[in-house]
C-alpha atoms as a PDB file:
ATOM      1  CA  MET A   1     186.752 170.815  48.690  1.00  0.00           C
ATOM      2  CA  THR A   2     188.554 174.059  48.035  1.00  0.00           C
ATOM      3  CA  ARG A   3     186.892 176.950  46.260  1.00  0.00           C
ATOM      4  CA  GLU A   4     189.244 176.480  43.284  1.00  0.00           C
ATOM      5  CA  ASN A   5     188.235 172.812  42.875  1.00  0.00           C
ATOM      6  CA  ARG A   6     184.565 173.686  43.237  1.00  0.00           C
ATOM      7  CA  ASP A   7     184.879 176.385  40.547  1.00  0.00           C
ATOM      8  CA  LYS A   8     186.560 173.900  38.192  1.00  0.00           C
ATOM      9  CA  ASN A   9     183.725 171.395  38.727  1.00  0.00           C
ATOM     10  CA  GLU A  10     181.037 174.035  38.213  1.00  0.00           C
ATOM     11  CA  ASN A  11     182.634 175.215  34.972  1.00  0.00           C
ATOM     12  CA  ARG A  12     182.596 171.665  33.661  1.00  0.00           C
ATOM     13  CA  HIS A  13     178.793 171.423  33.729  1.00  0.00           C
ATOM     14  CA  ASP A  14     176.470 173.482  31.583  1.00  0.00           C
ATOM     15  CA  GLN A  15     173.407 175.027  33.136  1.00  0.00           C
ATOM     16  CA  PRO A  16     170.039 174.066  31.578  1.00  0.00           C
ATOM     17  CA  ILE A  17     169.611 177.567  30.178  1.00  0.00           C
ATOM     18  CA  ASP A  18     173.005 177.250  28.440  1.00  0.00           C
ATOM     19  CA  ILE A  19     171.950 173.996  26.814  1.00  0.00           C
ATOM     20  CA  LEU A  20     168.704 175.582  25.601  1.00  0.00           C
ATOM     21  CA  MET A  21     170.680 178.467  24.114  1.00  0.00           C
ATOM     22  CA  GLY A  22     172.594 175.928  22.060  1.00  0.00           C
ATOM     23  CA  MET A  23     169.294 174.497  20.776  1.00  0.00           C
ATOM     24  CA  ALA A  24     167.829 177.861  19.724  1.00  0.00           C
ATOM     25  CA  ASN A  25     166.456 177.932  16.176  1.00  0.00           C
ATOM     26  CA  GLN A  26     167.027 174.191  15.797  1.00  0.00           C
ATOM     27  CA  GLN A  27     164.600 171.308  15.625  1.00  0.00           C
ATOM     28  CA  VAL A  28     163.781 169.963  19.082  1.00  0.00           C
ATOM     29  CA  TYR A  29     161.766 167.082  20.432  1.00  0.00           C
ATOM     30  CA  VAL A  30     159.710 167.907  23.519  1.00  0.00           C
ATOM     31  CA  ARG A  31     157.867 165.476  25.788  1.00  0.00           C
ATOM     32  CA  LEU A  32     155.239 166.963  28.064  1.00  0.00           C
ATOM     33  CA  VAL A  33     154.177 165.581  31.431  1.00  0.00           C
ATOM     34  CA  ASP A  34     151.026 164.103  29.859  1.00  0.00           C
ATOM     35  CA  ARG A  35     153.317 162.164  27.435  1.00  0.00           C
ATOM     36  CA  THR A  36     152.408 164.344  24.443  1.00  0.00           C
ATOM     37  CA  GLU A  37     155.399 164.694  22.136  1.00  0.00           C
ATOM     38  CA  LEU A  38     156.073 167.771  20.022  1.00  0.00           C
ATOM     39  CA  VAL A  39     158.559 168.183  17.197  1.00  0.00           C
ATOM     40  CA  GLY A  40     159.331 171.705  16.052  1.00  0.00           C
ATOM     41  CA  ARG A  41     161.814 174.557  15.933  1.00  0.00           C
ATOM     42  CA  LEU A  42     162.738 176.142  19.276  1.00  0.00           C
ATOM     43  CA  LEU A  43     162.038 179.816  18.615  1.00  0.00           C
ATOM     44  CA  ASP A  44     162.344 181.273  22.110  1.00  0.00           C
ATOM     45  CA  PHE A  45     162.408 180.383  25.820  1.00  0.00           C
ATOM     46  CA  ASP A  46     162.837 181.988  29.208  1.00  0.00           C
ATOM     47  CA  GLN A  47     164.386 181.135  32.569  1.00  0.00           C
ATOM     48  CA  TYR A  48     161.218 179.227  33.582  1.00  0.00           C
ATOM     49  CA  MET A  49     161.612 176.955  30.538  1.00  0.00           C
ATOM     50  CA  ASN A  50     158.492 178.382  28.925  1.00  0.00           C
ATOM     51  CA  LEU A  51     158.992 177.502  25.274  1.00  0.00           C
ATOM     52  CA  LYS A  52     157.902 179.043  21.997  1.00  0.00           C
ATOM     53  CA  ILE A  53     157.955 176.304  19.374  1.00  0.00           C
ATOM     54  CA  GLY A  54     157.326 176.673  15.664  1.00  0.00           C
ATOM     55  CA  LEU A  55     155.190 173.843  14.310  1.00  0.00           C
ATOM     56  CA  ASP A  56     154.648 173.816  10.541  1.00  0.00           C
ATOM     57  CA  GLU A  57     152.703 177.057   9.968  1.00  0.00           C
ATOM     58  CA  GLU A  58     151.952 178.057  13.558  1.00  0.00           C
ATOM     59  CA  ASP A  59     153.788 178.902  16.747  1.00  0.00           C
ATOM     60  CA  ILE A  60     152.758 177.477  20.112  1.00  0.00           C
ATOM     61  CA  LEU A  61     153.675 178.412  23.660  1.00  0.00           C
ATOM     62  CA  VAL A  62     154.348 175.665  26.184  1.00  0.00           C
ATOM     63  CA  ARG A  63     154.379 176.514  29.859  1.00  0.00           C
ATOM     64  CA  GLY A  64     157.597 175.347  31.493  1.00  0.00           C
ATOM     65  CA  ASN A  65     155.985 173.267  34.226  1.00  0.00           C
ATOM     66  CA  ASN A  66     154.426 171.059  31.522  1.00  0.00           C
ATOM     67  CA  VAL A  67     157.820 170.162  30.021  1.00  0.00           C
ATOM     68  CA  MET A  68     159.266 166.808  31.022  1.00  0.00           C
ATOM     69  CA  LEU A  69     162.101 166.522  28.506  1.00  0.00           C
ATOM     70  CA  ILE A  70     163.709 168.452  25.648  1.00  0.00           C
ATOM     71  CA  ALA A  71     166.043 166.690  23.230  1.00  0.00           C
ATOM     72  CA  ASP A  72     167.779 167.463  19.966  1.00  0.00           C
ATOM     73  CA  SER A  73     167.231 163.974  18.552  1.00  0.00           C
ATOM     74  CA  TRP A  74     164.357 161.524  18.609  1.00  0.00           C
ATOM     75  CA  GLU A  75     166.530 158.749  20.074  1.00  0.00           C
ATOM     76  CA  ASP A  76     167.081 160.810  23.245  1.00  0.00           C
ATOM     77  CA  LEU A  77     163.329 160.678  23.923  1.00  0.00           C
ATOM     78  CA  LYS A  78     163.061 156.912  23.728  1.00  0.00           C
ATOM     79  CA  GLY A  79     163.455 154.985  26.936  1.00  0.00           C
ATOM     80  CA  PRO A  80     165.496 151.786  27.310  1.00  0.00           C
ATOM     81  CA  GLU A  81     162.436 149.648  26.555  1.00  0.00           C
ATOM     82  CA  THR A  82     161.937 151.200  23.104  1.00  0.00           C
ATOM     83  CA  LYS A  83     165.631 151.331  22.181  1.00  0.00           C
ATOM     84  CA  ALA A  84     166.072 147.616  22.785  1.00  0.00           C
ATOM     85  CA  GLY A  85     162.714 146.729  21.253  1.00  0.00           C
ATOM     86  CA  LYS A  86     161.406 145.094  24.435  1.00  0.00           C
ATOM     87  CA  PRO A  87     160.678 146.160  28.019  1.00  0.00           C
ATOM     88  CA  ALA A  88     163.635 146.469  30.375  1.00  0.00           C
END
């Protein structure tokens, strides 16, 4: 693969930090490694995916290594077994 082709392919994909920037100050759905799910406004984050999330009247900090998934809609959090209504 030539350098030019590789650069084209790399430009096609967003980096995780770029995706988080697009979610800033919007409602996000976060699933932690212990399966806890949080719904709140993404207030801030860093390169380690540490998150500051606004929940109702308080802000919480979530350490990045506890984050399993971040989505901008509830449907993105559901696995195939819950979308179809029965286990896959």
